[in-house]
C-alpha atoms as a PDB file:
ATOM      1  CA  MET A   1       0.272  34.443   3.741  1.00  0.00           C
ATOM      2  CA  ILE A   2       3.756  34.079   5.218  1.00  0.00           C
ATOM      3  CA  ARG A   3       3.928  35.101   8.860  1.00  0.00           C
ATOM      4  CA  VAL A   4       7.352  36.557   9.666  1.00  0.00           C
ATOM      5  CA  GLY A   5       8.175  37.301  13.262  1.00  0.00           C
ATOM      6  CA  VAL A   6      10.439  40.082  14.475  1.00  0.00           C
ATOM      7  CA  LEU A   7      11.817  39.502  17.970  1.00  0.00           C
ATOM      8  CA  ALA A   8      10.299  42.582  19.601  1.00  0.00           C
ATOM      9  CA  LEU A   9      12.271  42.955  22.812  1.00  0.00           C
ATOM     10  CA  GLN A  10      14.718  45.718  21.846  1.00  0.00           C
ATOM     11  CA  GLY A  11      16.343  47.159  18.740  1.00  0.00           C
ATOM     12  CA  SER A  12      15.242  47.910  15.172  1.00  0.00           C
ATOM     13  CA  VAL A  13      11.874  46.154  15.404  1.00  0.00           C
ATOM     14  CA  ILE A  14       9.688  48.842  13.786  1.00  0.00           C
ATOM     15  CA  GLU A  15      12.105  49.233  10.876  1.00  0.00           C
ATOM     16  CA  HIS A  16      11.936  45.527  10.040  1.00  0.00           C
ATOM     17  CA  MET A  17       8.138  45.564  10.430  1.00  0.00           C
ATOM     18  CA  HIS A  18       7.899  48.398   7.865  1.00  0.00           C
ATOM     19  CA  MET A  19      10.096  46.520   5.380  1.00  0.00           C
ATOM     20  CA  LEU A  20       8.054  43.315   5.768  1.00  0.00           C
ATOM     21  CA  ASN A  21       4.812  45.278   5.311  1.00  0.00           C
ATOM     22  CA  ALA A  22       6.114  46.391   1.903  1.00  0.00           C
ATOM     23  CA  ILE A  23       6.375  42.785   0.620  1.00  0.00           C
ATOM     24  CA  ASP A  24       3.329  41.049  -0.879  1.00  0.00           C
ATOM     25  CA  ASN A  25       1.913  38.015   0.939  1.00  0.00           C
ATOM     26  CA  VAL A  26       3.915  38.722   4.094  1.00  0.00           C
ATOM     27  CA  GLU A  27       2.375  39.428   7.480  1.00  0.00           C
ATOM     28  CA  PRO A  28       4.845  40.790  10.056  1.00  0.00           C
ATOM     29  CA  VAL A  29       4.327  39.704  13.664  1.00  0.00           C
ATOM     30  CA  GLU A  30       5.938  41.191  16.755  1.00  0.00           C
ATOM     31  CA  VAL A  31       7.260  38.291  18.831  1.00  0.00           C
ATOM     32  CA  LYS A  32       7.237  38.859  22.587  1.00  0.00           C
ATOM     33  CA  SER A  33       5.985  35.490  23.869  1.00  0.00           C
ATOM     34  CA  ASN A  34       6.041  31.780  23.156  1.00  0.00           C
ATOM     35  CA  ILE A  35       2.484  32.084  21.848  1.00  0.00           C
ATOM     36  CA  ASP A  36       3.726  34.579  19.229  1.00  0.00           C
ATOM     37  CA  LEU A  37       6.664  32.292  18.456  1.00  0.00           C
ATOM     38  CA  ASN A  38       4.335  29.388  17.674  1.00  0.00           C
ATOM     39  CA  GLU A  39       2.392  31.479  15.149  1.00  0.00           C
ATOM     40  CA  ILE A  40       5.233  32.333  12.744  1.00  0.00           C
ATOM     41  CA  ASP A  41       7.012  30.751   9.768  1.00  0.00           C
ATOM     42  CA  GLY A  42      10.357  32.507  10.339  1.00  0.00           C
ATOM     43  CA  ILE A  43      11.942  35.069  12.640  1.00  0.00           C
ATOM     44  CA  ILE A  44      14.171  38.120  12.362  1.00  0.00           C
ATOM     45  CA  LEU A  45      16.504  38.852  15.258  1.00  0.00           C
ATOM     46  CA  PRO A  46      16.995  42.610  14.855  1.00  0.00           C
ATOM     47  CA  GLY A  47      19.916  44.908  15.442  1.00  0.00           C
ATOM     48  CA  GLY A  48      20.145  46.444  18.884  1.00  0.00           C
ATOM     49  CA  GLU A  49      22.199  45.468  21.927  1.00  0.00           C
ATOM     50  CA  SER A  50      22.939  41.734  21.865  1.00  0.00           C
ATOM     51  CA  THR A  51      23.600  41.441  25.603  1.00  0.00           C
ATOM     52  CA  VAL A  52      20.309  43.158  26.436  1.00  0.00           C
ATOM     53  CA  ILE A  53      18.319  41.119  23.892  1.00  0.00           C
ATOM     54  CA  GLY A  54      19.938  37.893  25.157  1.00  0.00           C
ATOM     55  CA  LYS A  55      18.944  38.738  28.741  1.00  0.00           C
ATOM     56  CA  LEU A  56      15.410  39.737  27.729  1.00  0.00           C
ATOM     57  CA  MET A  57      14.947  36.468  25.774  1.00  0.00           C
ATOM     58  CA  LYS A  58      15.548  34.651  29.062  1.00  0.00           C
ATOM     59  CA  ASP A  59      13.454  37.076  31.154  1.00  0.00           C
ATOM     60  CA  PHE A  60      10.507  36.700  28.732  1.00  0.00           C
ATOM     61  CA  GLY A  61      10.879  32.891  28.720  1.00  0.00           C
ATOM     62  CA  LEU A  62      11.627  32.841  24.982  1.00  0.00           C
ATOM     63  CA  PHE A  63      15.215  31.598  24.968  1.00  0.00           C
ATOM     64  CA  HIS A  64      14.758  27.807  24.961  1.00  0.00           C
ATOM     65  CA  ALA A  65      11.709  27.745  22.680  1.00  0.00           C
ATOM     66  CA  LEU A  66      13.369  30.100  20.188  1.00  0.00           C
ATOM     67  CA  LYS A  67      16.593  28.099  20.146  1.00  0.00           C
ATOM     68  CA  SER A  68      14.638  24.865  19.698  1.00  0.00           C
ATOM     69  CA  ARG A  69      12.604  26.248  16.776  1.00  0.00           C
ATOM     70  CA  ILE A  70      15.750  27.502  15.021  1.00  0.00           C
ATOM     71  CA  VAL A  71      17.682  24.261  15.597  1.00  0.00           C
ATOM     72  CA  ASP A  72      14.631  22.357  14.289  1.00  0.00           C
ATOM     73  CA  GLY A  73      14.756  24.346  11.039  1.00  0.00           C
ATOM     74  CA  MET A  74      12.667  27.499  11.400  1.00  0.00           C
ATOM     75  CA  PRO A  75      14.298  30.168   9.200  1.00  0.00           C
ATOM     76  CA  ALA A  76      16.066  32.845  11.232  1.00  0.00           C
ATOM     77  CA  TRP A  77      17.786  36.025  10.109  1.00  0.00           C
ATOM     78  CA  GLY A  78      20.018  37.967  12.453  1.00  0.00           C
ATOM     79  CA  THR A  79      20.969  41.560  11.618  1.00  0.00           C
ATOM     80  CA  CYS A  80      23.935  43.007  13.532  1.00  0.00           C
ATOM     81  CA  ALA A  81      23.061  42.088  17.155  1.00  0.00           C
ATOM     82  CA  GLY A  82      20.968  39.240  15.750  1.00  0.00           C
ATOM     83  CA  MET A  83      24.120  37.859  14.117  1.00  0.00           C
ATOM     84  CA  ILE A  84      25.795  37.873  17.523  1.00  0.00           C
ATOM     85  CA  LEU A  85      22.799  36.104  19.089  1.00  0.00           C
ATOM     86  CA  LEU A  86      22.895  33.280  16.506  1.00  0.00           C
ATOM     87  CA  ALA A  87      26.678  32.712  16.589  1.00  0.00           C
ATOM     88  CA  LYS A  88      28.216  29.612  18.163  1.00  0.00           C
ATOM     89  CA  GLY A  89      31.202  31.726  19.187  1.00  0.00           C
ATOM     90  CA  ILE A  90      31.768  35.327  20.252  1.00  0.00           C
ATOM     91  CA  VAL A  91      35.291  36.666  20.764  1.00  0.00           C
ATOM     92  CA  ASP A  92      35.891  37.040  24.540  1.00  0.00           C
ATOM     93  CA  GLU A  93      32.259  36.262  25.459  1.00  0.00           C
ATOM     94  CA  GLU A  94      29.882  33.359  25.970  1.00  0.00           C
ATOM     95  CA  PRO A  95      27.514  32.665  23.054  1.00  0.00           C
ATOM     96  CA  HIS A  96      23.755  33.168  23.307  1.00  0.00           C
ATOM     97  CA  LEU A  97      21.646  30.860  21.073  1.00  0.00           C
ATOM     98  CA  SER A  98      24.764  29.104  19.736  1.00  0.00           C
ATOM     99  CA  ALA A  99      22.966  27.989  16.558  1.00  0.00           C
ATOM    100  CA  MET A 100      25.092  29.050  13.570  1.00  0.00           C
ATOM    101  CA  ASP A 101      28.623  27.794  12.951  1.00  0.00           C
ATOM    102  CA  ILE A 102      30.273  31.221  13.039  1.00  0.00           C
ATOM    103  CA  LYS A 103      32.519  33.100  15.459  1.00  0.00           C
ATOM    104  CA  VAL A 104      31.901  36.840  15.607  1.00  0.00           C
ATOM    105  CA  ARG A 105      33.599  39.909  17.018  1.00  0.00           C
ATOM    106  CA  ARG A 106      31.201  42.404  18.611  1.00  0.00           C
ATOM    107  CA  ASN A 107      31.619  46.084  17.680  1.00  0.00           C
ATOM    108  CA  ALA A 108      34.360  45.061  15.243  1.00  0.00           C
ATOM    109  CA  TYR A 109      33.995  48.272  13.262  1.00  0.00           C
ATOM    110  CA  GLY A 110      34.315  50.461  16.335  1.00  0.00           C
ATOM    111  CA  ARG A 111      32.036  52.785  18.241  1.00  0.00           C
ATOM    112  CA  GLN A 112      28.860  54.581  17.159  1.00  0.00           C
ATOM    113  CA  ILE A 113      30.941  57.422  15.733  1.00  0.00           C
ATOM    114  CA  ASP A 114      32.662  54.915  13.419  1.00  0.00           C
ATOM    115  CA  SER A 115      29.385  53.900  11.737  1.00  0.00           C
ATOM    116  CA  PHE A 116      29.407  54.029   7.943  1.00  0.00           C
ATOM    117  CA  SER A 117      27.578  52.991   4.800  1.00  0.00           C
ATOM    118  CA  LYS A 118      28.740  51.673   1.457  1.00  0.00           C
ATOM    119  CA  ASN A 119      27.259  49.998  -1.594  1.00  0.00           C
ATOM    120  CA  ALA A 120      28.150  46.464  -2.634  1.00  0.00           C
ATOM    121  CA  VAL A 121      26.832  43.685  -4.842  1.00  0.00           C
ATOM    122  CA  ILE A 122      25.855  40.523  -2.987  1.00  0.00           C
ATOM    123  CA  PRO A 123      25.613  38.064  -5.918  1.00  0.00           C
ATOM    124  CA  ALA A 124      23.333  35.573  -4.136  1.00  0.00           C
ATOM    125  CA  ILE A 125      20.905  38.372  -3.269  1.00  0.00           C
ATOM    126  CA  SER A 126      20.975  40.935  -6.101  1.00  0.00           C
ATOM    127  CA  PRO A 127      23.029  41.730  -9.199  1.00  0.00           C
ATOM    128  CA  GLU A 128      22.653  45.429  -8.350  1.00  0.00           C
ATOM    129  CA  PRO A 129      24.590  47.207  -5.588  1.00  0.00           C
ATOM    130  CA  ILE A 130      22.804  47.273  -2.238  1.00  0.00           C
ATOM    131  CA  GLU A 131      23.273  49.982   0.371  1.00  0.00           C
ATOM    132  CA  LEU A 132      24.938  48.539   3.478  1.00  0.00           C
ATOM    133  CA  ILE A 133      24.685  50.457   6.751  1.00  0.00           C
ATOM    134  CA  PHE A 134      27.092  49.435   9.524  1.00  0.00           C
ATOM    135  CA  ILE A 135      26.417  50.674  13.085  1.00  0.00           C
ATOM    136  CA  ARG A 136      28.817  49.394  15.773  1.00  0.00           C
ATOM    137  CA  ALA A 137      28.724  46.302  13.602  1.00  0.00           C
ATOM    138  CA  PRO A 138      30.189  42.869  14.231  1.00  0.00           C
ATOM    139  CA  TRP A 139      31.996  40.798  11.635  1.00  0.00           C
ATOM    140  CA  ILE A 140      32.501  37.078  11.285  1.00  0.00           C
ATOM    141  CA  GLU A 141      36.028  36.060  12.280  1.00  0.00           C
ATOM    142  CA  ALA A 142      35.598  32.371  11.422  1.00  0.00           C
ATOM    143  CA  ALA A 143      32.956  30.286   9.670  1.00  0.00           C
ATOM    144  CA  GLY A 144      32.423  26.533   9.497  1.00  0.00           C
ATOM    145  CA  ASP A 145      32.731  24.550   6.291  1.00  0.00           C
ATOM    146  CA  HIS A 146      28.947  24.476   5.769  1.00  0.00           C
ATOM    147  CA  VAL A 147      28.546  28.259   6.015  1.00  0.00           C
ATOM    148  CA  ASP A 148      28.033  30.046   2.692  1.00  0.00           C
ATOM    149  CA  LYS A 149      29.923  33.342   2.876  1.00  0.00           C
ATOM    150  CA  LEU A 150      27.741  35.778   0.927  1.00  0.00           C
ATOM    151  CA  LEU A 151      29.848  38.934   1.271  1.00  0.00           C
ATOM    152  CA  SER A 152      33.216  39.994   2.638  1.00  0.00           C
ATOM    153  CA  ILE A 153      34.425  43.573   2.970  1.00  0.00           C
ATOM    154  CA  ASP A 154      38.132  44.248   3.458  1.00  0.00           C
ATOM    155  CA  GLY A 155      38.693  40.577   4.283  1.00  0.00           C
ATOM    156  CA  HIS A 156      35.909  40.341   6.874  1.00  0.00           C
ATOM    157  CA  ILE A 157      32.733  38.302   6.346  1.00  0.00           C
ATOM    158  CA  VAL A 158      29.662  40.526   6.792  1.00  0.00           C
ATOM    159  CA  ALA A 159      26.905  38.306   5.362  1.00  0.00           C
ATOM    160  CA  ALA A 160      26.510  34.539   5.524  1.00  0.00           C
ATOM    161  CA  HIS A 161      23.942  31.769   5.143  1.00  0.00           C
ATOM    162  CA  GLN A 162      23.869  28.317   6.737  1.00  0.00           C
ATOM    163  CA  ASN A 163      20.914  25.996   6.242  1.00  0.00           C
ATOM    164  CA  ASN A 164      17.926  27.896   7.692  1.00  0.00           C
ATOM    165  CA  MET A 165      19.959  30.833   9.028  1.00  0.00           C
ATOM    166  CA  LEU A 166      20.983  34.131   7.447  1.00  0.00           C
ATOM    167  CA  VAL A 167      23.145  36.764   9.138  1.00  0.00           C
ATOM    168  CA  THR A 168      24.174  40.271   8.125  1.00  0.00           C
ATOM    169  CA  SER A 169      26.502  42.665   9.953  1.00  0.00           C
ATOM    170  CA  PHE A 170      24.699  45.541   8.286  1.00  0.00           C
ATOM    171  CA  HIS A 171      21.157  46.891   8.600  1.00  0.00           C
ATOM    172  CA  PRO A 172      19.012  46.444   5.447  1.00  0.00           C
ATOM    173  CA  GLU A 173      16.005  47.611   7.463  1.00  0.00           C
ATOM    174  CA  LEU A 174      17.495  51.125   7.575  1.00  0.00           C
ATOM    175  CA  THR A 175      17.443  51.464   3.774  1.00  0.00           C
ATOM    176  CA  LYS A 176      14.694  51.493   1.161  1.00  0.00           C
ATOM    177  CA  ASP A 177      16.092  48.361  -0.544  1.00  0.00           C
ATOM    178  CA  LEU A 178      13.949  45.240  -0.045  1.00  0.00           C
ATOM    179  CA  ASN A 179      16.363  42.776  -1.675  1.00  0.00           C
ATOM    180  CA  VAL A 180      17.761  41.223   1.512  1.00  0.00           C
ATOM    181  CA  HIS A 181      14.299  40.942   3.070  1.00  0.00           C
ATOM    182  CA  LYS A 182      13.015  39.274  -0.121  1.00  0.00           C
ATOM    183  CA  TYR A 183      15.973  36.863  -0.077  1.00  0.00           C
ATOM    184  CA  TYR A 184      15.006  35.917   3.479  1.00  0.00           C
ATOM    185  CA  ILE A 185      11.345  35.476   2.485  1.00  0.00           C
ATOM    186  CA  ASP A 186      12.495  33.116  -0.297  1.00  0.00           C
ATOM    187  CA  MET A 187      14.383  31.113   2.365  1.00  0.00           C
ATOM    188  CA  ILE A 188      11.142  30.756   4.329  1.00  0.00           C
ATOM    189  CA  CYS A 189       9.171  29.758   1.211  1.00  0.00           C
ATOM    190  CA  LYS A 190      11.570  26.859   0.605  1.00  0.00           C
ATOM    191  CA  VAL A 191      10.729  25.250   3.961  1.00  0.00           C
ATOM    192  CA  ILE A 192       7.011  25.928   4.472  1.00  0.00           C
END
């Protein structure tokens, strides 16, 4: 059984838990403490409010242990706010975990009212179009040489993979499509 944590401080926690529950041999775990963190094989940093989640990681004493586990190779997937949390650079702000060699722009697609969805093929993940839901989404402005850019839309990187880290600007947990979650589970299986 693969134990996949979802950082359960704020954001789309329940939605990720439901998606993980739909995948065989996966046990989702809400992560709220260092004890929870030590019990998992990988972690999802969900969409939500990156500044709030970053502050709560420190308030709950999770920040340093989480960063250490990710830097040491534990698979991590950041969706939307989670992408911002993993980035080494944020336009006009200080980074949080500073783990992945990307620079992101928060709310790049605008305000809540500017949210949208579209379908796109992400070749590394699925040959079929996947529904992509963008809500006040960031995009990647710059990526290091070792970052695999999985998908760009209108010239902006919205999905990327580097070593043990996956990031998506969009919210697969708000769809019925399990492809991105299964891709992440495959990442975990390669290291455990």
